[in-house]
N, C-alpha and C. Protein backbone atom coordinates (compact mmCIF):
# COMPACT_ATOMS: atom_id res chain seq x y z
N UNK A 1 -2.36 10.83 -8.70
CA UNK A 1 -2.59 9.65 -7.86
C UNK A 1 -1.38 9.40 -6.96
N UNK A 2 -1.59 8.62 -5.94
CA UNK A 2 -0.53 8.32 -5.00
C UNK A 2 0.39 7.23 -5.55
N UNK A 3 1.63 7.29 -5.18
CA UNK A 3 2.61 6.31 -5.61
C UNK A 3 2.56 5.11 -4.66
N UNK A 4 2.15 3.94 -5.15
CA UNK A 4 2.02 2.76 -4.28
C UNK A 4 3.34 2.37 -3.61
N UNK A 5 4.45 2.56 -4.30
CA UNK A 5 5.75 2.21 -3.70
C UNK A 5 6.06 3.12 -2.51
N UNK A 6 5.73 4.39 -2.64
CA UNK A 6 5.96 5.31 -1.53
C UNK A 6 5.03 5.00 -0.37
N UNK A 7 3.79 4.70 -0.67
CA UNK A 7 2.81 4.39 0.38
C UNK A 7 3.26 3.17 1.17
N UNK A 8 3.72 2.14 0.47
CA UNK A 8 4.15 0.92 1.15
C UNK A 8 5.62 0.98 1.59
N UNK A 9 6.28 2.07 1.22
CA UNK A 9 7.69 2.27 1.59
C UNK A 9 8.55 1.11 1.09
N UNK A 10 8.38 0.80 -0.21
CA UNK A 10 9.16 -0.26 -0.84
C UNK A 10 9.81 0.28 -2.10
N UNK A 11 10.97 -0.26 -2.48
CA UNK A 11 11.59 0.15 -3.74
C UNK A 11 10.75 -0.30 -4.93
N UNK A 12 10.92 0.37 -6.05
CA UNK A 12 10.15 0.05 -7.25
C UNK A 12 10.38 -1.40 -7.69
N UNK A 13 11.57 -1.94 -7.45
CA UNK A 13 11.92 -3.29 -7.90
C UNK A 13 11.50 -4.38 -6.92
N UNK A 14 10.75 -4.05 -5.90
CA UNK A 14 10.37 -5.01 -4.86
C UNK A 14 9.64 -6.22 -5.42
N UNK A 15 9.95 -7.36 -4.83
CA UNK A 15 9.23 -8.58 -5.20
C UNK A 15 7.98 -8.71 -4.33
N UNK A 16 7.18 -9.72 -4.63
CA UNK A 16 5.90 -9.90 -3.93
C UNK A 16 6.09 -10.08 -2.43
N UNK A 17 7.10 -10.85 -2.03
CA UNK A 17 7.33 -11.10 -0.60
C UNK A 17 7.62 -9.80 0.16
N UNK A 18 8.44 -8.95 -0.43
CA UNK A 18 8.79 -7.69 0.21
C UNK A 18 7.55 -6.79 0.32
N UNK A 19 6.76 -6.77 -0.72
CA UNK A 19 5.54 -5.95 -0.74
C UNK A 19 4.57 -6.47 0.31
N UNK A 20 4.38 -7.78 0.36
CA UNK A 20 3.45 -8.37 1.32
C UNK A 20 3.89 -8.13 2.77
N UNK A 21 5.18 -8.28 3.02
CA UNK A 21 5.71 -8.06 4.36
C UNK A 21 5.48 -6.62 4.81
N UNK A 22 5.79 -5.69 3.94
CA UNK A 22 5.62 -4.28 4.29
C UNK A 22 4.13 -3.94 4.46
N UNK A 23 3.29 -4.51 3.60
CA UNK A 23 1.85 -4.30 3.70
C UNK A 23 1.34 -4.76 5.07
N UNK A 24 1.75 -5.93 5.49
CA UNK A 24 1.29 -6.47 6.78
C UNK A 24 1.73 -5.60 7.94
N UNK A 25 2.96 -5.09 7.89
CA UNK A 25 3.44 -4.20 8.95
C UNK A 25 2.59 -2.94 9.03
N UNK A 26 2.32 -2.36 7.85
CA UNK A 26 1.55 -1.11 7.82
C UNK A 26 0.10 -1.32 8.23
N UNK A 27 -0.48 -2.44 7.84
CA UNK A 27 -1.86 -2.73 8.22
C UNK A 27 -1.99 -2.84 9.74
N UNK A 28 -1.04 -3.51 10.36
CA UNK A 28 -1.08 -3.63 11.82
C UNK A 28 -0.92 -2.27 12.49
N UNK A 29 -0.07 -1.46 11.93
CA UNK A 29 0.22 -0.15 12.53
C UNK A 29 -0.92 0.86 12.34
N UNK A 30 -1.52 0.87 11.16
CA UNK A 30 -2.49 1.91 10.82
C UNK A 30 -3.94 1.45 10.80
N UNK A 31 -4.22 0.25 11.23
CA UNK A 31 -5.61 -0.23 11.18
C UNK A 31 -6.51 0.67 12.02
N UNK A 32 -7.63 1.13 11.45
CA UNK A 32 -8.52 2.06 12.17
C UNK A 32 -9.04 1.51 13.50
N UNK A 33 -9.23 0.21 13.61
CA UNK A 33 -9.73 -0.36 14.85
C UNK A 33 -8.71 -0.29 15.98
N UNK A 34 -7.45 -0.10 15.64
CA UNK A 34 -6.40 0.02 16.66
C UNK A 34 -6.09 1.47 16.99
N UNK A 35 -6.67 2.39 16.24
CA UNK A 35 -6.37 3.80 16.42
C UNK A 35 -7.67 4.57 16.63
N UNK A 36 -8.21 4.44 17.81
CA UNK A 36 -9.51 5.04 18.11
C UNK A 36 -9.46 6.56 18.15
N UNK A 37 -8.30 7.11 18.47
CA UNK A 37 -8.19 8.55 18.69
C UNK A 37 -8.60 9.36 17.46
N UNK A 38 -8.26 8.86 16.26
CA UNK A 38 -8.57 9.59 15.05
C UNK A 38 -8.94 8.60 13.95
N UNK A 39 -10.06 7.93 14.16
CA UNK A 39 -10.46 6.81 13.30
C UNK A 39 -10.61 7.22 11.83
N UNK A 40 -11.20 8.38 11.56
CA UNK A 40 -11.41 8.82 10.17
C UNK A 40 -10.07 8.97 9.44
N UNK A 41 -9.11 9.57 10.11
CA UNK A 41 -7.78 9.77 9.52
C UNK A 41 -7.14 8.43 9.19
N UNK A 42 -7.21 7.49 10.12
CA UNK A 42 -6.60 6.19 9.90
C UNK A 42 -7.36 5.36 8.87
N UNK A 43 -8.65 5.59 8.72
CA UNK A 43 -9.41 4.92 7.66
C UNK A 43 -8.89 5.35 6.29
N UNK A 44 -8.59 6.64 6.14
CA UNK A 44 -8.05 7.15 4.87
C UNK A 44 -6.70 6.52 4.57
N UNK A 45 -5.83 6.50 5.57
CA UNK A 45 -4.51 5.92 5.38
C UNK A 45 -4.62 4.43 5.07
N UNK A 46 -5.48 3.74 5.80
CA UNK A 46 -5.67 2.31 5.61
C UNK A 46 -6.15 2.01 4.19
N UNK A 47 -7.06 2.82 3.70
CA UNK A 47 -7.58 2.64 2.34
C UNK A 47 -6.47 2.83 1.30
N UNK A 48 -5.60 3.83 1.52
CA UNK A 48 -4.47 4.05 0.61
C UNK A 48 -3.52 2.86 0.62
N UNK A 49 -3.27 2.32 1.80
CA UNK A 49 -2.39 1.16 1.93
C UNK A 49 -2.99 -0.03 1.18
N UNK A 50 -4.27 -0.25 1.35
CA UNK A 50 -4.93 -1.37 0.66
C UNK A 50 -4.88 -1.20 -0.86
N UNK A 51 -5.14 0.01 -1.34
CA UNK A 51 -5.10 0.26 -2.78
C UNK A 51 -3.70 0.07 -3.33
N UNK A 52 -2.69 0.53 -2.60
CA UNK A 52 -1.31 0.37 -3.04
C UNK A 52 -0.95 -1.11 -3.12
N UNK A 53 -1.35 -1.87 -2.10
CA UNK A 53 -1.06 -3.30 -2.10
C UNK A 53 -1.77 -4.00 -3.25
N UNK A 54 -3.00 -3.64 -3.47
CA UNK A 54 -3.78 -4.23 -4.57
C UNK A 54 -3.09 -3.98 -5.91
N UNK A 55 -2.59 -2.77 -6.09
CA UNK A 55 -1.91 -2.41 -7.34
C UNK A 55 -0.61 -3.18 -7.52
N UNK A 56 0.20 -3.24 -6.47
CA UNK A 56 1.52 -3.86 -6.60
C UNK A 56 1.50 -5.38 -6.52
N UNK A 57 0.49 -5.96 -5.91
CA UNK A 57 0.47 -7.41 -5.77
C UNK A 57 -0.18 -8.12 -6.95
N UNK A 58 -0.95 -7.40 -7.74
CA UNK A 58 -1.58 -7.98 -8.93
C UNK A 58 -0.67 -7.70 -10.13
N UNK A 59 -0.13 -8.75 -10.76
CA UNK A 59 0.82 -8.53 -11.87
C UNK A 59 0.29 -7.63 -12.99
N UNK A 60 -0.97 -7.79 -13.34
CA UNK A 60 -1.53 -6.96 -14.42
C UNK A 60 -1.66 -5.51 -14.00
N UNK A 61 -2.15 -5.28 -12.78
CA UNK A 61 -2.29 -3.90 -12.30
C UNK A 61 -0.92 -3.24 -12.13
N UNK A 62 0.04 -4.02 -11.66
CA UNK A 62 1.38 -3.46 -11.47
C UNK A 62 2.00 -3.08 -12.81
N UNK A 63 1.86 -3.95 -13.79
CA UNK A 63 2.40 -3.66 -15.12
C UNK A 63 1.74 -2.41 -15.70
N UNK A 64 0.45 -2.30 -15.55
CA UNK A 64 -0.28 -1.14 -16.05
C UNK A 64 0.19 0.13 -15.33
N UNK A 65 0.35 0.06 -14.03
CA UNK A 65 0.82 1.21 -13.25
C UNK A 65 2.22 1.62 -13.71
N UNK A 66 3.12 0.64 -13.88
CA UNK A 66 4.49 0.94 -14.28
C UNK A 66 4.54 1.53 -15.68
N UNK A 67 3.69 1.07 -16.59
CA UNK A 67 3.65 1.63 -17.93
C UNK A 67 3.21 3.09 -17.91
N UNK A 68 2.24 3.41 -17.06
CA UNK A 68 1.72 4.77 -16.98
C UNK A 68 2.69 5.72 -16.29
N UNK A 69 3.59 5.20 -15.46
CA UNK A 69 4.45 6.05 -14.65
C UNK A 69 5.93 5.88 -14.94
N UNK A 70 6.27 5.67 -16.19
CA UNK A 70 7.70 5.59 -16.54
C UNK A 70 8.15 6.83 -17.24
């Protein structure tokens, strides 16, 4: 599986604010509606960004992810 910290380009110790800020930057940059040239490619990236954010922003999912990857 993909590493959510690498996808969002945040350190493992990042707090929620840092994760949210980076998520918003990436969403604006990689949103498929803003990248018509290769929409399918950007849809894949966008989905990875959303999944990474979902994992790191939910305390239970983040704890589970960290337990599995230590």
